[in-house]
Every structure is written in C-alpha cells, then in structure tokens.
Amino acid sequence: MRPSPIWGDHVWPWLLVPLCIGIAIVYKSIKCRTMKQVPKEAAILTAWILAGMALVAIGLAVAVEAMERSYR
C-alpha cells in the first residue's frame, strides 16, 4: 500500500486548519475561566494563528523571489 501523495498536490496547507483549531481549543480550554468562553476565544485564536502563518508565508515568498532575482 502506498501513502497518499499529498506533497505533490496543493492539499497539505489545508491540514494547518484542523491543526490550528486543535491547538487553539486545547490552549483556550486551559486559559479560560469557563468553558462557555472557549468556542469564541478558540475561533479568535485560530484566526490569529492562520493570519500570522499567511503573513509569514507571504513574507517568505517575497524574500525567496527577491533572492532568486538577485542571482539572475
């Protein structure tokens, strides 16, 4: 049996979404005073994590593009 070739596809970045959700839920479950706060706080934290990762990815893409242009 062969593993699914997710690295060749553009599927693997979508695996970050459930990872971020899980991290946010666990973190906010520890930090919030009541469990009623957890869904809202976890959703906000998930959005912040994903936005931060997107900004870092854009920054790295710009840096790589600039480095490639400098070597031409």
N, C-alpha and C. Protein backbone atom coordinates (compact mmCIF):
# COMPACT_ATOMS: atom_id res chain seq x y z
N MET A 1 0.85 -1.18 0.00
CA MET A 1 0.00 0.00 0.00
C MET A 1 0.89 1.24 0.00
N ARG A 2 0.56 2.20 -0.84
CA ARG A 2 1.36 3.42 -0.96
C ARG A 2 0.65 4.58 -0.27
N PRO A 3 1.40 5.45 0.39
CA PRO A 3 0.76 6.61 1.04
C PRO A 3 0.21 7.59 0.02
N SER A 4 -0.74 8.37 0.45
CA SER A 4 -1.33 9.38 -0.42
C SER A 4 -0.29 10.45 -0.76
N PRO A 5 -0.15 10.81 -2.03
CA PRO A 5 0.89 11.79 -2.42
C PRO A 5 0.43 13.23 -2.19
N ILE A 6 0.25 13.60 -0.93
CA ILE A 6 -0.26 14.94 -0.66
C ILE A 6 0.79 16.02 -0.89
N TRP A 7 2.06 15.66 -0.90
CA TRP A 7 3.09 16.68 -1.10
C TRP A 7 3.11 17.18 -2.53
N GLY A 8 2.71 16.34 -3.49
CA GLY A 8 2.67 16.77 -4.87
C GLY A 8 1.46 17.67 -5.14
N ASP A 9 0.42 17.49 -4.40
CA ASP A 9 -0.78 18.30 -4.55
C ASP A 9 -0.66 19.57 -3.73
N HIS A 10 -1.60 20.42 -3.89
CA HIS A 10 -1.64 21.63 -3.04
C HIS A 10 -2.67 21.44 -1.93
N VAL A 11 -2.64 20.25 -1.34
CA VAL A 11 -3.58 19.90 -0.28
C VAL A 11 -2.99 20.14 1.10
N TRP A 12 -1.68 19.97 1.25
CA TRP A 12 -1.09 19.98 2.58
C TRP A 12 -1.28 21.28 3.34
N PRO A 13 -1.34 22.48 2.72
CA PRO A 13 -1.58 23.67 3.55
C PRO A 13 -2.94 23.65 4.26
N TRP A 14 -3.90 22.95 3.68
CA TRP A 14 -5.22 22.87 4.33
C TRP A 14 -5.18 22.02 5.59
N LEU A 15 -4.15 21.23 5.77
CA LEU A 15 -4.01 20.46 7.00
C LEU A 15 -3.66 21.35 8.19
N LEU A 16 -3.22 22.58 7.92
CA LEU A 16 -2.93 23.52 9.01
C LEU A 16 -4.20 23.97 9.73
N VAL A 17 -5.32 23.99 9.02
CA VAL A 17 -6.57 24.47 9.63
C VAL A 17 -6.99 23.60 10.81
N PRO A 18 -7.14 22.27 10.65
CA PRO A 18 -7.51 21.48 11.83
C PRO A 18 -6.44 21.47 12.91
N LEU A 19 -5.17 21.58 12.51
CA LEU A 19 -4.10 21.66 13.49
C LEU A 19 -4.24 22.93 14.34
N CYS A 20 -4.48 24.07 13.70
CA CYS A 20 -4.65 25.33 14.43
C CYS A 20 -5.89 25.30 15.32
N ILE A 21 -6.97 24.71 14.82
CA ILE A 21 -8.19 24.61 15.62
C ILE A 21 -7.92 23.78 16.87
N GLY A 22 -7.25 22.65 16.70
CA GLY A 22 -6.95 21.80 17.86
C GLY A 22 -6.06 22.49 18.87
N ILE A 23 -5.04 23.18 18.40
CA ILE A 23 -4.14 23.91 19.30
C ILE A 23 -4.90 25.00 20.04
N ALA A 24 -5.74 25.74 19.33
CA ALA A 24 -6.49 26.83 19.95
C ALA A 24 -7.47 26.31 20.99
N ILE A 25 -8.14 25.21 20.70
CA ILE A 25 -9.11 24.66 21.66
C ILE A 25 -8.40 24.19 22.93
N VAL A 26 -7.30 23.48 22.78
CA VAL A 26 -6.57 22.99 23.95
C VAL A 26 -6.03 24.16 24.76
N TYR A 27 -5.43 25.14 24.09
CA TYR A 27 -4.86 26.29 24.80
C TYR A 27 -5.94 27.07 25.54
N LYS A 28 -7.05 27.35 24.86
CA LYS A 28 -8.11 28.14 25.50
C LYS A 28 -8.86 27.35 26.56
N SER A 29 -8.89 26.02 26.45
CA SER A 29 -9.50 25.21 27.49
C SER A 29 -8.74 25.34 28.80
N ILE A 30 -7.44 25.55 28.69
CA ILE A 30 -6.61 25.71 29.89
C ILE A 30 -6.72 27.13 30.43
N LYS A 31 -6.78 28.14 29.55
CA LYS A 31 -6.68 29.53 29.96
C LYS A 31 -8.01 30.18 30.36
N CYS A 32 -9.12 29.75 29.77
CA CYS A 32 -10.41 30.41 30.05
C CYS A 32 -10.97 29.98 31.41
N ARG A 33 -11.68 30.90 32.03
CA ARG A 33 -12.27 30.61 33.34
C ARG A 33 -13.47 29.67 33.23
N THR A 34 -14.29 29.84 32.18
CA THR A 34 -15.44 28.96 31.99
C THR A 34 -15.38 28.36 30.58
N MET A 35 -15.98 27.19 30.45
CA MET A 35 -15.97 26.52 29.15
C MET A 35 -16.89 27.22 28.14
N LYS A 36 -17.77 28.09 28.60
CA LYS A 36 -18.63 28.85 27.68
C LYS A 36 -17.80 29.80 26.83
N GLN A 37 -16.68 30.24 27.33
CA GLN A 37 -15.82 31.17 26.61
C GLN A 37 -14.96 30.48 25.55
N VAL A 38 -14.74 29.21 25.68
CA VAL A 38 -13.77 28.50 24.85
C VAL A 38 -14.08 28.57 23.35
N PRO A 39 -15.31 28.29 22.88
CA PRO A 39 -15.52 28.31 21.42
C PRO A 39 -15.20 29.66 20.78
N LYS A 40 -15.67 30.74 21.40
CA LYS A 40 -15.43 32.06 20.84
C LYS A 40 -13.94 32.41 20.87
N GLU A 41 -13.32 32.19 22.01
CA GLU A 41 -11.90 32.50 22.16
C GLU A 41 -11.04 31.62 21.25
N ALA A 42 -11.40 30.35 21.10
CA ALA A 42 -10.64 29.46 20.23
C ALA A 42 -10.78 29.87 18.77
N ALA A 43 -11.96 30.32 18.37
CA ALA A 43 -12.16 30.78 16.99
C ALA A 43 -11.30 32.01 16.71
N ILE A 44 -11.25 32.92 17.66
CA ILE A 44 -10.43 34.13 17.50
C ILE A 44 -8.95 33.76 17.43
N LEU A 45 -8.51 32.88 18.31
CA LEU A 45 -7.11 32.46 18.31
C LEU A 45 -6.76 31.72 17.02
N THR A 46 -7.67 30.88 16.55
CA THR A 46 -7.44 30.17 15.28
C THR A 46 -7.24 31.16 14.14
N ALA A 47 -8.09 32.19 14.09
CA ALA A 47 -7.97 33.21 13.05
C ALA A 47 -6.63 33.93 13.15
N TRP A 48 -6.20 34.25 14.36
CA TRP A 48 -4.91 34.92 14.54
C TRP A 48 -3.74 34.04 14.09
N ILE A 49 -3.80 32.77 14.45
CA ILE A 49 -2.72 31.86 14.07
C ILE A 49 -2.66 31.73 12.55
N LEU A 50 -3.81 31.52 11.91
CA LEU A 50 -3.83 31.37 10.45
C LEU A 50 -3.40 32.65 9.75
N ALA A 51 -3.83 33.80 10.27
CA ALA A 51 -3.41 35.08 9.67
C ALA A 51 -1.90 35.27 9.82
N GLY A 52 -1.37 34.93 10.97
CA GLY A 52 0.07 35.03 11.19
C GLY A 52 0.85 34.12 10.26
N MET A 53 0.37 32.89 10.08
CA MET A 53 1.04 31.97 9.17
C MET A 53 0.97 32.46 7.73
N ALA A 54 -0.16 33.05 7.35
CA ALA A 54 -0.30 33.57 5.99
C ALA A 54 0.67 34.73 5.77
N LEU A 55 0.79 35.61 6.75
CA LEU A 55 1.72 36.74 6.62
C LEU A 55 3.17 36.27 6.53
N VAL A 56 3.52 35.29 7.33
CA VAL A 56 4.87 34.75 7.28
C VAL A 56 5.12 34.08 5.92
N ALA A 57 4.13 33.36 5.42
CA ALA A 57 4.29 32.70 4.11
C ALA A 57 4.47 33.73 3.00
N ILE A 58 3.71 34.81 3.06
CA ILE A 58 3.86 35.87 2.06
C ILE A 58 5.24 36.51 2.16
N GLY A 59 5.67 36.78 3.38
CA GLY A 59 7.00 37.36 3.58
C GLY A 59 8.10 36.46 3.06
N LEU A 60 7.99 35.17 3.33
CA LEU A 60 9.00 34.23 2.83
C LEU A 60 8.96 34.13 1.31
N ALA A 61 7.78 34.15 0.73
CA ALA A 61 7.67 34.10 -0.74
C ALA A 61 8.32 35.33 -1.37
N VAL A 62 8.10 36.50 -0.77
CA VAL A 62 8.73 37.72 -1.28
C VAL A 62 10.24 37.65 -1.14
N ALA A 63 10.71 37.15 0.00
CA ALA A 63 12.15 37.03 0.21
C ALA A 63 12.79 36.06 -0.77
N VAL A 64 12.15 34.93 -1.01
CA VAL A 64 12.69 33.95 -1.96
C VAL A 64 12.70 34.53 -3.36
N GLU A 65 11.64 35.23 -3.73
CA GLU A 65 11.58 35.85 -5.07
C GLU A 65 12.68 36.89 -5.23
N ALA A 66 12.92 37.68 -4.19
CA ALA A 66 13.98 38.69 -4.25
C ALA A 66 15.36 38.03 -4.36
N MET A 67 15.56 36.95 -3.64
CA MET A 67 16.84 36.25 -3.72
C MET A 67 17.04 35.61 -5.09
N GLU A 68 15.98 35.06 -5.65
CA GLU A 68 16.09 34.47 -6.99
C GLU A 68 16.41 35.51 -8.04
N ARG A 69 15.83 36.69 -7.91
CA ARG A 69 16.10 37.77 -8.86
C ARG A 69 17.53 38.29 -8.73
N SER A 70 18.06 38.26 -7.53
CA SER A 70 19.42 38.76 -7.33
C SER A 70 20.47 37.80 -7.90
N TYR A 71 20.13 36.53 -8.05
CA TYR A 71 21.08 35.57 -8.61
C TYR A 71 21.03 35.48 -10.12
N ARG A 72 20.10 36.17 -10.76
CA ARG A 72 20.00 36.12 -12.23
C ARG A 72 20.97 37.03 -12.87
